[in-house]
């Protein structure tokens, strides 16, 4: 279950998948992180049930991602996690999408009591476009607004073409951190797009 802590190093599970294969054994894997920005991709033990993937808090095999900005670690871990899903027989057509959503949910943090509602949105920054592409929400609970903006960042990253504006706008890690650390409205440029959390819907 996401949010569970495993291992003596205290990895927090962000996503896990396990299912029965045609050989009547169960295979699975998990994606975890720590507060210091490290990420782990681990393969569970194969077993006879959904519940025997971890033995005394341990697992069969893992790969760790550290030494880079935490967002880069998470992106690298997501790629490795998807690749592992073919070997553990848990892949499906929306696997990567669901895992990305789980990471964004983790990054958005817990709901903050009494926090103001905010709207999330994005738009192509080029004012020369007569009808720039965009997306936005109504006012949402603070936690949901942050999660939605992280989703916008992930789903529009290709179109933002951030590699063409390197050194001009913030990078992906800085963009994600701005959203994670936001305590109220925020607005920023990432690549060719503008993103925001606002006190009023656009």
N, C-alpha and C. Protein backbone atom coordinates (compact mmCIF):
# COMPACT_ATOMS: atom_id res chain seq x y z
N UNK A 1 0.85 -1.19 0.00
CA UNK A 1 0.00 0.00 0.00
C UNK A 1 0.88 1.24 0.00
N UNK A 2 0.62 2.22 -0.88
CA UNK A 2 1.39 3.45 -0.90
C UNK A 2 1.38 4.13 0.47
N UNK A 3 2.52 4.67 0.87
CA UNK A 3 2.64 5.31 2.16
C UNK A 3 3.24 4.41 3.22
N UNK A 4 3.23 3.09 3.00
CA UNK A 4 3.83 2.15 3.93
C UNK A 4 5.34 2.29 3.90
N UNK A 5 5.98 2.08 5.04
CA UNK A 5 7.43 2.15 5.11
C UNK A 5 8.00 0.74 5.18
N UNK A 6 9.02 0.47 4.35
CA UNK A 6 9.64 -0.85 4.33
C UNK A 6 11.15 -0.71 4.49
N UNK A 7 11.77 -1.76 5.01
CA UNK A 7 13.22 -1.81 5.10
C UNK A 7 13.76 -1.01 6.28
N UNK A 8 14.95 -1.38 6.71
CA UNK A 8 15.55 -0.71 7.85
C UNK A 8 15.94 0.73 7.52
N UNK A 9 16.06 1.06 6.24
CA UNK A 9 16.40 2.42 5.83
C UNK A 9 15.16 3.31 5.73
N UNK A 10 13.99 2.76 5.94
CA UNK A 10 12.77 3.55 5.97
C UNK A 10 12.31 4.09 4.64
N UNK A 11 12.30 3.25 3.61
CA UNK A 11 11.78 3.68 2.30
C UNK A 11 10.26 3.78 2.37
N UNK A 12 9.71 4.89 1.92
CA UNK A 12 8.27 5.06 1.85
C UNK A 12 7.79 4.60 0.49
N UNK A 13 6.87 3.65 0.45
CA UNK A 13 6.35 3.13 -0.81
C UNK A 13 5.42 4.16 -1.45
N UNK A 14 5.73 4.52 -2.68
CA UNK A 14 4.91 5.46 -3.44
C UNK A 14 3.97 4.70 -4.38
N UNK A 15 4.42 3.56 -4.88
CA UNK A 15 3.59 2.73 -5.75
C UNK A 15 4.07 1.29 -5.62
N UNK A 16 3.13 0.36 -5.70
CA UNK A 16 3.51 -1.05 -5.77
C UNK A 16 2.50 -1.79 -6.63
N UNK A 17 2.97 -2.85 -7.24
CA UNK A 17 2.11 -3.67 -8.10
C UNK A 17 2.51 -5.13 -7.92
N UNK A 18 1.52 -5.98 -7.84
CA UNK A 18 1.77 -7.42 -7.67
C UNK A 18 0.57 -8.18 -8.21
N UNK A 19 0.81 -9.26 -8.94
CA UNK A 19 -0.29 -10.06 -9.44
C UNK A 19 0.16 -11.48 -9.74
N UNK A 20 -0.83 -12.33 -9.92
CA UNK A 20 -0.58 -13.74 -10.18
C UNK A 20 -0.26 -13.95 -11.65
N UNK A 21 0.78 -14.72 -11.91
CA UNK A 21 1.19 -15.03 -13.27
C UNK A 21 0.62 -16.40 -13.66
N UNK A 22 0.79 -16.77 -14.93
CA UNK A 22 0.19 -18.04 -15.39
C UNK A 22 0.82 -19.27 -14.75
N UNK A 23 2.02 -19.09 -14.12
CA UNK A 23 2.64 -20.23 -13.44
C UNK A 23 2.12 -20.41 -12.01
N UNK A 24 1.05 -19.66 -11.68
CA UNK A 24 0.40 -19.71 -10.37
C UNK A 24 1.24 -19.11 -9.25
N UNK A 25 2.27 -18.36 -9.58
CA UNK A 25 3.04 -17.65 -8.58
C UNK A 25 2.78 -16.15 -8.73
N UNK A 26 2.98 -15.43 -7.64
CA UNK A 26 2.76 -13.99 -7.63
C UNK A 26 4.09 -13.26 -7.78
N UNK A 27 4.09 -12.24 -8.62
CA UNK A 27 5.27 -11.42 -8.86
C UNK A 27 4.89 -9.95 -8.66
N UNK A 28 5.86 -9.16 -8.24
CA UNK A 28 5.54 -7.75 -8.01
C UNK A 28 6.77 -6.89 -7.82
N UNK A 29 6.53 -5.61 -7.66
CA UNK A 29 7.60 -4.63 -7.52
C UNK A 29 7.08 -3.42 -6.76
N UNK A 30 8.00 -2.56 -6.33
CA UNK A 30 7.58 -1.36 -5.63
C UNK A 30 8.52 -0.20 -5.96
N UNK A 31 7.99 0.99 -5.82
CA UNK A 31 8.73 2.23 -6.03
C UNK A 31 8.69 2.99 -4.72
N UNK A 32 9.87 3.39 -4.23
CA UNK A 32 9.90 4.07 -2.95
C UNK A 32 10.83 5.27 -2.94
N UNK A 33 10.72 6.07 -1.90
CA UNK A 33 11.55 7.25 -1.77
C UNK A 33 11.83 7.53 -0.30
N UNK A 34 12.80 8.42 -0.08
CA UNK A 34 13.11 8.90 1.27
C UNK A 34 13.10 10.41 1.25
N UNK A 35 13.05 11.02 2.42
CA UNK A 35 12.96 12.47 2.52
C UNK A 35 14.19 13.17 1.95
N UNK A 36 15.31 12.47 1.86
CA UNK A 36 16.53 13.08 1.35
C UNK A 36 16.59 13.13 -0.17
N UNK A 37 15.52 12.71 -0.84
CA UNK A 37 15.47 12.79 -2.30
C UNK A 37 15.93 11.56 -3.03
N UNK A 38 16.32 10.51 -2.30
CA UNK A 38 16.69 9.26 -2.96
C UNK A 38 15.44 8.47 -3.33
N UNK A 39 15.56 7.67 -4.40
CA UNK A 39 14.46 6.82 -4.84
C UNK A 39 14.97 5.40 -5.02
N UNK A 40 14.07 4.45 -4.90
CA UNK A 40 14.41 3.03 -5.04
C UNK A 40 13.37 2.33 -5.90
N UNK A 41 13.84 1.44 -6.75
CA UNK A 41 12.97 0.54 -7.52
C UNK A 41 13.32 -0.86 -7.06
N UNK A 42 12.36 -1.57 -6.51
CA UNK A 42 12.63 -2.88 -5.95
C UNK A 42 11.71 -3.95 -6.50
N UNK A 43 12.27 -5.14 -6.68
CA UNK A 43 11.47 -6.29 -7.11
C UNK A 43 11.13 -7.12 -5.87
N UNK A 44 9.87 -7.40 -5.68
CA UNK A 44 9.44 -8.22 -4.54
C UNK A 44 9.85 -9.67 -4.77
N UNK A 45 9.82 -10.43 -3.68
CA UNK A 45 10.00 -11.87 -3.80
C UNK A 45 8.80 -12.46 -4.52
N UNK A 46 9.02 -13.44 -5.37
CA UNK A 46 7.89 -14.18 -5.93
C UNK A 46 7.34 -15.06 -4.82
N UNK A 47 6.03 -15.33 -4.87
CA UNK A 47 5.43 -16.09 -3.77
C UNK A 47 4.11 -16.71 -4.14
N UNK A 48 3.40 -17.13 -3.11
CA UNK A 48 2.15 -17.84 -3.31
C UNK A 48 0.93 -16.98 -3.02
N UNK A 49 1.14 -15.70 -2.69
CA UNK A 49 0.00 -14.84 -2.39
C UNK A 49 0.35 -13.38 -2.68
N UNK A 50 -0.64 -12.52 -2.56
CA UNK A 50 -0.42 -11.09 -2.74
C UNK A 50 0.37 -10.50 -1.59
N UNK A 51 0.45 -11.23 -0.48
CA UNK A 51 0.99 -10.65 0.76
C UNK A 51 2.38 -11.14 1.14
N UNK A 52 3.03 -11.95 0.31
CA UNK A 52 4.33 -12.49 0.72
C UNK A 52 5.48 -11.95 -0.14
N UNK A 53 5.32 -10.72 -0.64
CA UNK A 53 6.37 -10.13 -1.46
C UNK A 53 7.55 -9.58 -0.67
N UNK A 54 7.32 -9.25 0.59
CA UNK A 54 8.37 -8.75 1.46
C UNK A 54 8.63 -9.77 2.56
N UNK A 55 9.89 -10.10 2.78
CA UNK A 55 10.27 -11.01 3.85
C UNK A 55 11.00 -10.22 4.92
N UNK A 56 10.38 -10.08 6.08
CA UNK A 56 10.98 -9.32 7.19
C UNK A 56 11.38 -7.91 6.75
N UNK A 57 10.53 -7.30 5.94
CA UNK A 57 10.78 -5.95 5.48
C UNK A 57 11.75 -5.86 4.32
N UNK A 58 12.19 -7.01 3.78
CA UNK A 58 13.16 -7.03 2.69
C UNK A 58 12.53 -7.42 1.37
N UNK A 59 13.33 -7.35 0.32
CA UNK A 59 12.85 -7.64 -1.02
C UNK A 59 13.93 -8.38 -1.79
N UNK A 60 13.59 -8.82 -2.98
CA UNK A 60 14.48 -9.66 -3.77
C UNK A 60 15.67 -8.88 -4.35
N UNK A 61 15.40 -7.74 -4.96
CA UNK A 61 16.45 -7.00 -5.68
C UNK A 61 16.03 -5.56 -5.80
N UNK A 62 16.99 -4.63 -5.84
CA UNK A 62 16.61 -3.22 -5.99
C UNK A 62 17.71 -2.42 -6.68
N UNK A 63 17.31 -1.28 -7.20
CA UNK A 63 18.23 -0.31 -7.78
C UNK A 63 17.90 1.04 -7.17
N UNK A 64 18.94 1.80 -6.80
CA UNK A 64 18.71 3.06 -6.12
C UNK A 64 19.18 4.24 -6.97
N UNK A 65 18.52 5.37 -6.76
CA UNK A 65 18.80 6.57 -7.53
C UNK A 65 19.08 7.71 -6.56
N UNK A 66 20.31 8.23 -6.62
CA UNK A 66 20.72 9.27 -5.69
C UNK A 66 21.80 10.11 -6.35
N UNK A 67 22.15 11.21 -5.71
CA UNK A 67 23.25 12.03 -6.19
C UNK A 67 22.84 13.09 -7.18
N UNK A 68 21.59 13.10 -7.60
CA UNK A 68 21.07 14.11 -8.51
C UNK A 68 19.96 14.87 -7.80
N UNK A 69 19.47 15.97 -8.39
CA UNK A 69 18.26 16.58 -7.83
C UNK A 69 17.17 15.53 -7.70
N UNK A 70 16.36 15.63 -6.65
CA UNK A 70 15.38 14.59 -6.35
C UNK A 70 14.43 14.33 -7.51
N UNK A 71 14.09 15.37 -8.28
CA UNK A 71 13.18 15.17 -9.41
C UNK A 71 13.84 14.31 -10.48
N UNK A 72 15.14 14.53 -10.72
CA UNK A 72 15.87 13.69 -11.68
C UNK A 72 15.92 12.26 -11.20
N UNK A 73 16.14 12.07 -9.90
CA UNK A 73 16.13 10.71 -9.33
C UNK A 73 14.78 10.04 -9.56
N UNK A 74 13.71 10.79 -9.32
CA UNK A 74 12.36 10.24 -9.49
C UNK A 74 12.09 9.90 -10.95
N UNK A 75 12.50 10.76 -11.86
CA UNK A 75 12.28 10.49 -13.29
C UNK A 75 13.04 9.25 -13.74
N UNK A 76 14.29 9.11 -13.27
CA UNK A 76 15.08 7.93 -13.62
C UNK A 76 14.47 6.67 -13.01
N UNK A 77 13.98 6.79 -11.78
CA UNK A 77 13.36 5.64 -11.11
C UNK A 77 12.08 5.24 -11.83
N UNK A 78 11.29 6.21 -12.27
CA UNK A 78 10.06 5.90 -13.01
C UNK A 78 10.38 5.11 -14.27
N UNK A 79 11.40 5.53 -15.01
CA UNK A 79 11.78 4.82 -16.23
C UNK A 79 12.18 3.38 -15.92
N UNK A 80 13.01 3.20 -14.86
CA UNK A 80 13.44 1.86 -14.49
C UNK A 80 12.28 1.01 -13.97
N UNK A 81 11.35 1.66 -13.28
CA UNK A 81 10.20 0.95 -12.73
C UNK A 81 9.32 0.41 -13.85
N UNK A 82 9.12 1.21 -14.89
CA UNK A 82 8.32 0.75 -16.04
C UNK A 82 9.04 -0.40 -16.74
N UNK A 83 10.35 -0.29 -16.92
CA UNK A 83 11.11 -1.37 -17.55
C UNK A 83 11.01 -2.66 -16.73
N UNK A 84 11.06 -2.55 -15.41
CA UNK A 84 10.96 -3.73 -14.56
C UNK A 84 9.59 -4.39 -14.68
N UNK A 85 8.56 -3.61 -14.96
CA UNK A 85 7.20 -4.14 -14.96
C UNK A 85 6.98 -5.23 -15.99
N UNK A 86 7.82 -5.27 -17.03
CA UNK A 86 7.72 -6.35 -18.02
C UNK A 86 8.22 -7.67 -17.42
N UNK A 87 9.26 -7.58 -16.59
CA UNK A 87 9.84 -8.78 -15.99
C UNK A 87 8.99 -9.33 -14.85
N UNK A 88 8.22 -8.45 -14.19
CA UNK A 88 7.39 -8.90 -13.08
C UNK A 88 5.93 -9.12 -13.51
N UNK A 89 5.67 -8.97 -14.81
CA UNK A 89 4.37 -9.28 -15.41
C UNK A 89 3.24 -8.40 -14.90
N UNK A 90 3.54 -7.15 -14.48
CA UNK A 90 2.49 -6.26 -13.97
C UNK A 90 2.19 -5.11 -14.94
N UNK A 91 2.90 -5.07 -16.07
CA UNK A 91 2.71 -3.96 -17.01
C UNK A 91 1.33 -4.02 -17.67
N UNK A 92 0.75 -2.85 -17.91
CA UNK A 92 -0.41 -2.72 -18.79
C UNK A 92 -0.30 -1.37 -19.50
N UNK A 93 -1.25 -1.04 -20.33
CA UNK A 93 -1.13 0.14 -21.19
C UNK A 93 -1.13 1.46 -20.43
N UNK A 94 -1.68 1.47 -19.23
CA UNK A 94 -1.72 2.72 -18.46
C UNK A 94 -0.80 2.67 -17.24
N UNK A 95 0.11 1.71 -17.23
CA UNK A 95 0.98 1.53 -16.06
C UNK A 95 1.80 2.79 -15.79
N UNK A 96 2.50 3.31 -16.80
CA UNK A 96 3.34 4.49 -16.58
C UNK A 96 2.51 5.69 -16.14
N UNK A 97 1.35 5.85 -16.71
CA UNK A 97 0.47 6.96 -16.32
C UNK A 97 0.09 6.86 -14.85
N UNK A 98 -0.30 5.67 -14.40
CA UNK A 98 -0.71 5.51 -13.01
C UNK A 98 0.45 5.75 -12.05
N UNK A 99 1.64 5.31 -12.42
CA UNK A 99 2.80 5.51 -11.55
C UNK A 99 3.15 7.00 -11.49
N UNK A 100 3.09 7.68 -12.64
CA UNK A 100 3.33 9.12 -12.64
C UNK A 100 2.35 9.84 -11.74
N UNK A 101 1.10 9.43 -11.78
CA UNK A 101 0.08 10.02 -10.91
C UNK A 101 0.39 9.76 -9.43
N UNK A 102 0.89 8.58 -9.13
CA UNK A 102 1.24 8.25 -7.75
C UNK A 102 2.39 9.12 -7.26
N UNK A 103 3.38 9.36 -8.12
CA UNK A 103 4.50 10.23 -7.74
C UNK A 103 3.99 11.65 -7.49
N UNK A 104 3.15 12.14 -8.38
CA UNK A 104 2.62 13.50 -8.21
C UNK A 104 1.77 13.60 -6.95
N UNK A 105 1.03 12.55 -6.66
CA UNK A 105 0.22 12.53 -5.43
C UNK A 105 1.13 12.59 -4.21
N UNK A 106 2.22 11.85 -4.24
CA UNK A 106 3.16 11.87 -3.12
C UNK A 106 3.77 13.26 -2.97
N UNK A 107 4.18 13.86 -4.09
CA UNK A 107 4.80 15.18 -4.04
C UNK A 107 3.84 16.27 -3.58
N UNK A 108 2.56 16.11 -3.82
CA UNK A 108 1.61 17.16 -3.45
C UNK A 108 1.44 17.26 -1.94
N UNK A 109 1.85 16.20 -1.23
CA UNK A 109 1.84 16.24 0.23
C UNK A 109 0.45 16.06 0.81
N UNK A 110 0.36 16.08 2.13
CA UNK A 110 -0.93 15.89 2.79
C UNK A 110 -1.79 17.15 2.70
N UNK A 111 -3.08 16.98 2.87
CA UNK A 111 -3.97 18.13 2.88
C UNK A 111 -3.64 19.01 4.09
N UNK A 112 -3.68 20.30 3.88
CA UNK A 112 -3.38 21.26 4.94
C UNK A 112 -4.70 21.79 5.49
N UNK A 113 -4.99 21.54 6.77
CA UNK A 113 -6.25 22.02 7.34
C UNK A 113 -6.39 23.53 7.20
N UNK A 114 -7.57 23.97 6.82
CA UNK A 114 -7.89 25.40 6.71
C UNK A 114 -7.10 26.12 5.62
N UNK A 115 -6.41 25.39 4.74
CA UNK A 115 -5.69 26.04 3.64
C UNK A 115 -6.70 26.58 2.63
N UNK A 116 -6.38 27.70 1.98
CA UNK A 116 -7.32 28.25 1.00
C UNK A 116 -7.41 27.37 -0.23
N UNK A 117 -8.57 27.40 -0.88
CA UNK A 117 -8.70 26.69 -2.14
C UNK A 117 -8.00 27.48 -3.24
N UNK A 118 -7.40 26.76 -4.19
CA UNK A 118 -6.69 27.38 -5.28
C UNK A 118 -7.07 26.71 -6.59
N UNK A 119 -6.92 27.43 -7.69
CA UNK A 119 -7.10 26.87 -9.01
C UNK A 119 -5.74 26.61 -9.62
N UNK A 120 -5.62 25.53 -10.38
CA UNK A 120 -4.37 25.20 -11.07
C UNK A 120 -4.55 25.45 -12.55
N UNK A 121 -3.48 25.88 -13.22
CA UNK A 121 -3.61 26.11 -14.65
C UNK A 121 -2.27 26.21 -15.36
N UNK A 122 -2.32 26.15 -16.67
CA UNK A 122 -1.13 26.33 -17.51
C UNK A 122 -1.57 26.90 -18.85
N UNK A 123 -0.62 27.55 -19.53
CA UNK A 123 -0.91 28.11 -20.85
C UNK A 123 0.40 28.30 -21.60
N UNK A 124 0.34 28.16 -22.93
CA UNK A 124 1.50 28.49 -23.74
C UNK A 124 1.84 29.96 -23.53
N UNK A 125 3.11 30.25 -23.30
CA UNK A 125 3.51 31.60 -22.93
C UNK A 125 3.54 32.57 -24.09
N UNK A 126 3.71 32.12 -25.30
CA UNK A 126 3.86 32.99 -26.46
C UNK A 126 2.58 33.78 -26.71
N UNK A 127 2.65 35.08 -26.48
CA UNK A 127 1.46 35.92 -26.65
C UNK A 127 1.05 36.04 -28.11
N UNK A 128 1.93 35.61 -29.05
CA UNK A 128 1.62 35.69 -30.47
C UNK A 128 0.59 34.67 -30.91
N UNK A 129 0.33 33.67 -30.09
CA UNK A 129 -0.68 32.66 -30.45
C UNK A 129 -2.08 33.24 -30.25
N UNK A 130 -2.89 33.17 -31.28
CA UNK A 130 -4.25 33.69 -31.15
C UNK A 130 -5.06 32.87 -30.16
N UNK A 131 -4.88 31.56 -30.21
CA UNK A 131 -5.58 30.66 -29.29
C UNK A 131 -4.56 29.72 -28.64
N UNK A 132 -3.79 30.23 -27.67
CA UNK A 132 -2.75 29.39 -27.06
C UNK A 132 -3.37 28.19 -26.34
N UNK A 133 -2.69 27.06 -26.42
CA UNK A 133 -3.15 25.87 -25.69
C UNK A 133 -3.09 26.17 -24.20
N UNK A 134 -4.04 25.63 -23.48
CA UNK A 134 -4.09 25.90 -22.05
C UNK A 134 -4.96 24.87 -21.35
N UNK A 135 -4.90 24.88 -20.04
CA UNK A 135 -5.77 24.05 -19.22
C UNK A 135 -5.87 24.68 -17.85
N UNK A 136 -7.02 24.56 -17.20
CA UNK A 136 -7.17 25.13 -15.87
C UNK A 136 -8.31 24.45 -15.15
N UNK A 137 -8.39 24.70 -13.86
CA UNK A 137 -9.41 24.07 -13.02
C UNK A 137 -10.23 25.12 -12.30
N UNK A 138 -11.28 24.67 -11.68
CA UNK A 138 -12.02 25.49 -10.72
C UNK A 138 -11.20 25.52 -9.43
N UNK A 139 -11.68 26.24 -8.43
CA UNK A 139 -11.00 26.25 -7.14
C UNK A 139 -11.07 24.84 -6.53
N UNK A 140 -9.93 24.38 -6.07
CA UNK A 140 -9.82 23.03 -5.50
C UNK A 140 -9.21 23.10 -4.10
N UNK A 141 -9.44 22.08 -3.27
CA UNK A 141 -8.69 22.02 -2.02
C UNK A 141 -7.19 22.11 -2.30
N UNK A 142 -6.46 22.75 -1.43
CA UNK A 142 -5.05 23.07 -1.64
C UNK A 142 -4.24 21.86 -2.13
N UNK A 143 -4.39 20.73 -1.46
CA UNK A 143 -3.67 19.51 -1.81
C UNK A 143 -4.01 19.08 -3.24
N UNK A 144 -5.29 19.14 -3.61
CA UNK A 144 -5.71 18.73 -4.95
C UNK A 144 -5.20 19.69 -6.01
N UNK A 145 -5.16 20.98 -5.69
CA UNK A 145 -4.65 21.96 -6.65
C UNK A 145 -3.17 21.71 -6.93
N UNK A 146 -2.39 21.42 -5.89
CA UNK A 146 -0.96 21.14 -6.09
C UNK A 146 -0.79 19.85 -6.91
N UNK A 147 -1.56 18.84 -6.60
CA UNK A 147 -1.49 17.58 -7.35
C UNK A 147 -1.83 17.82 -8.83
N UNK A 148 -2.87 18.61 -9.08
CA UNK A 148 -3.29 18.87 -10.46
C UNK A 148 -2.23 19.65 -11.21
N UNK A 149 -1.58 20.63 -10.56
CA UNK A 149 -0.54 21.38 -11.24
C UNK A 149 0.67 20.49 -11.54
N UNK A 150 1.02 19.60 -10.64
CA UNK A 150 2.09 18.64 -10.91
C UNK A 150 1.71 17.74 -12.09
N UNK A 151 0.45 17.37 -12.17
CA UNK A 151 -0.02 16.58 -13.32
C UNK A 151 0.09 17.38 -14.61
N UNK A 152 -0.29 18.66 -14.56
CA UNK A 152 -0.14 19.52 -15.74
C UNK A 152 1.33 19.58 -16.18
N UNK A 153 2.23 19.75 -15.22
CA UNK A 153 3.66 19.79 -15.54
C UNK A 153 4.10 18.52 -16.26
N UNK A 154 3.67 17.39 -15.75
CA UNK A 154 4.07 16.10 -16.33
C UNK A 154 3.47 15.90 -17.72
N UNK A 155 2.20 16.21 -17.87
CA UNK A 155 1.51 15.92 -19.12
C UNK A 155 1.84 16.91 -20.24
N UNK A 156 2.35 18.10 -19.90
CA UNK A 156 2.67 19.10 -20.92
C UNK A 156 4.17 19.28 -21.11
N UNK A 157 4.97 18.44 -20.47
CA UNK A 157 6.42 18.62 -20.52
C UNK A 157 6.96 18.59 -21.95
N UNK A 158 6.48 17.68 -22.76
CA UNK A 158 6.97 17.59 -24.13
C UNK A 158 6.68 18.87 -24.90
N UNK A 159 5.48 19.39 -24.77
CA UNK A 159 5.10 20.61 -25.48
C UNK A 159 5.80 21.85 -24.96
N UNK A 160 6.23 21.82 -23.70
CA UNK A 160 6.91 22.98 -23.13
C UNK A 160 8.27 23.22 -23.77
N UNK A 161 8.85 22.14 -24.34
CA UNK A 161 10.15 22.24 -25.03
C UNK A 161 11.20 22.94 -24.16
N UNK A 162 11.27 22.54 -22.90
CA UNK A 162 12.16 23.22 -21.96
C UNK A 162 13.62 23.16 -22.39
N UNK A 163 14.01 22.14 -23.15
CA UNK A 163 15.40 22.02 -23.59
C UNK A 163 15.80 23.18 -24.50
N UNK A 164 14.82 23.85 -25.11
CA UNK A 164 15.12 24.97 -25.99
C UNK A 164 15.26 26.28 -25.23
N UNK A 165 14.88 26.30 -23.98
CA UNK A 165 14.96 27.53 -23.18
C UNK A 165 15.87 27.36 -21.98
N UNK A 166 16.78 26.39 -22.05
CA UNK A 166 17.69 26.14 -20.92
C UNK A 166 18.45 27.42 -20.58
N UNK A 167 18.41 27.80 -19.32
CA UNK A 167 19.08 29.01 -18.87
C UNK A 167 18.21 30.24 -18.95
N UNK A 168 17.06 30.11 -19.62
CA UNK A 168 16.13 31.24 -19.74
C UNK A 168 15.01 31.12 -18.72
N UNK A 169 14.45 29.92 -18.59
CA UNK A 169 13.43 29.67 -17.58
C UNK A 169 14.00 28.66 -16.57
N UNK A 170 13.23 28.40 -15.54
CA UNK A 170 13.64 27.40 -14.57
C UNK A 170 13.61 26.02 -15.22
N UNK A 171 14.30 25.05 -14.60
CA UNK A 171 14.30 23.69 -15.13
C UNK A 171 13.20 22.87 -14.47
N UNK A 172 13.07 21.60 -14.89
CA UNK A 172 11.98 20.77 -14.38
C UNK A 172 12.07 20.59 -12.87
N UNK A 173 13.27 20.34 -12.35
CA UNK A 173 13.40 20.16 -10.90
C UNK A 173 12.94 21.41 -10.16
N UNK A 174 13.37 22.57 -10.62
CA UNK A 174 12.97 23.82 -9.96
C UNK A 174 11.46 24.02 -10.04
N UNK A 175 10.86 23.66 -11.19
CA UNK A 175 9.41 23.80 -11.34
C UNK A 175 8.67 22.91 -10.36
N UNK A 176 9.09 21.65 -10.27
CA UNK A 176 8.45 20.72 -9.35
C UNK A 176 8.61 21.20 -7.91
N UNK A 177 9.80 21.68 -7.56
CA UNK A 177 10.04 22.14 -6.19
C UNK A 177 9.20 23.36 -5.86
N UNK A 178 8.98 24.26 -6.83
CA UNK A 178 8.12 25.41 -6.58
C UNK A 178 6.71 24.97 -6.19
N UNK A 179 6.22 23.95 -6.88
CA UNK A 179 4.87 23.45 -6.56
C UNK A 179 4.88 22.73 -5.23
N UNK A 180 5.86 21.89 -5.00
CA UNK A 180 5.92 21.13 -3.75
C UNK A 180 5.99 22.04 -2.53
N UNK A 181 6.75 23.11 -2.66
CA UNK A 181 6.98 24.01 -1.52
C UNK A 181 5.95 25.13 -1.42
N UNK A 182 5.05 25.22 -2.38
CA UNK A 182 4.07 26.31 -2.38
C UNK A 182 3.18 26.25 -1.15
N UNK A 183 2.95 27.40 -0.55
CA UNK A 183 2.02 27.52 0.57
C UNK A 183 0.85 28.43 0.22
N UNK A 184 0.83 28.87 -1.04
CA UNK A 184 -0.22 29.75 -1.52
C UNK A 184 -0.08 29.91 -3.02
N UNK A 185 -0.64 30.97 -3.59
CA UNK A 185 -0.54 31.18 -5.04
C UNK A 185 0.91 31.25 -5.52
N UNK A 186 1.15 30.75 -6.74
CA UNK A 186 2.48 30.79 -7.34
C UNK A 186 2.31 30.81 -8.86
N UNK A 187 3.26 31.42 -9.53
CA UNK A 187 3.22 31.50 -10.99
C UNK A 187 4.65 31.45 -11.50
N UNK A 188 4.90 30.67 -12.57
CA UNK A 188 6.25 30.55 -13.09
C UNK A 188 6.24 30.13 -14.55
N UNK A 189 7.38 30.39 -15.20
CA UNK A 189 7.60 29.98 -16.58
C UNK A 189 8.46 28.72 -16.58
N UNK A 190 8.06 27.75 -17.36
CA UNK A 190 8.86 26.54 -17.56
C UNK A 190 8.85 26.24 -19.05
N UNK A 191 10.01 26.37 -19.67
CA UNK A 191 10.04 26.21 -21.12
C UNK A 191 9.17 27.26 -21.79
N UNK A 192 8.36 26.84 -22.73
CA UNK A 192 7.48 27.76 -23.45
C UNK A 192 6.09 27.86 -22.81
N UNK A 193 5.94 27.37 -21.59
CA UNK A 193 4.64 27.41 -20.91
C UNK A 193 4.70 28.21 -19.62
N UNK A 194 3.54 28.72 -19.20
CA UNK A 194 3.37 29.38 -17.91
C UNK A 194 2.44 28.50 -17.07
N UNK A 195 2.78 28.34 -15.80
CA UNK A 195 2.01 27.49 -14.88
C UNK A 195 1.65 28.32 -13.64
N UNK A 196 0.53 27.98 -13.01
CA UNK A 196 0.16 28.75 -11.83
C UNK A 196 -0.78 28.01 -10.89
N UNK A 197 -0.74 28.46 -9.64
CA UNK A 197 -1.77 28.20 -8.64
C UNK A 197 -2.31 29.58 -8.30
N UNK A 198 -3.62 29.77 -8.38
CA UNK A 198 -4.19 31.10 -8.20
C UNK A 198 -5.40 31.03 -7.27
N UNK A 199 -5.68 32.15 -6.61
CA UNK A 199 -6.80 32.24 -5.68
C UNK A 199 -8.13 32.38 -6.40
N UNK A 200 -8.09 32.64 -7.73
CA UNK A 200 -9.30 32.73 -8.53
C UNK A 200 -9.12 31.90 -9.79
N UNK A 201 -10.16 31.19 -10.24
CA UNK A 201 -10.04 30.43 -11.48
C UNK A 201 -9.89 31.38 -12.66
N UNK A 202 -9.15 30.93 -13.68
CA UNK A 202 -8.93 31.77 -14.86
C UNK A 202 -10.09 31.66 -15.83
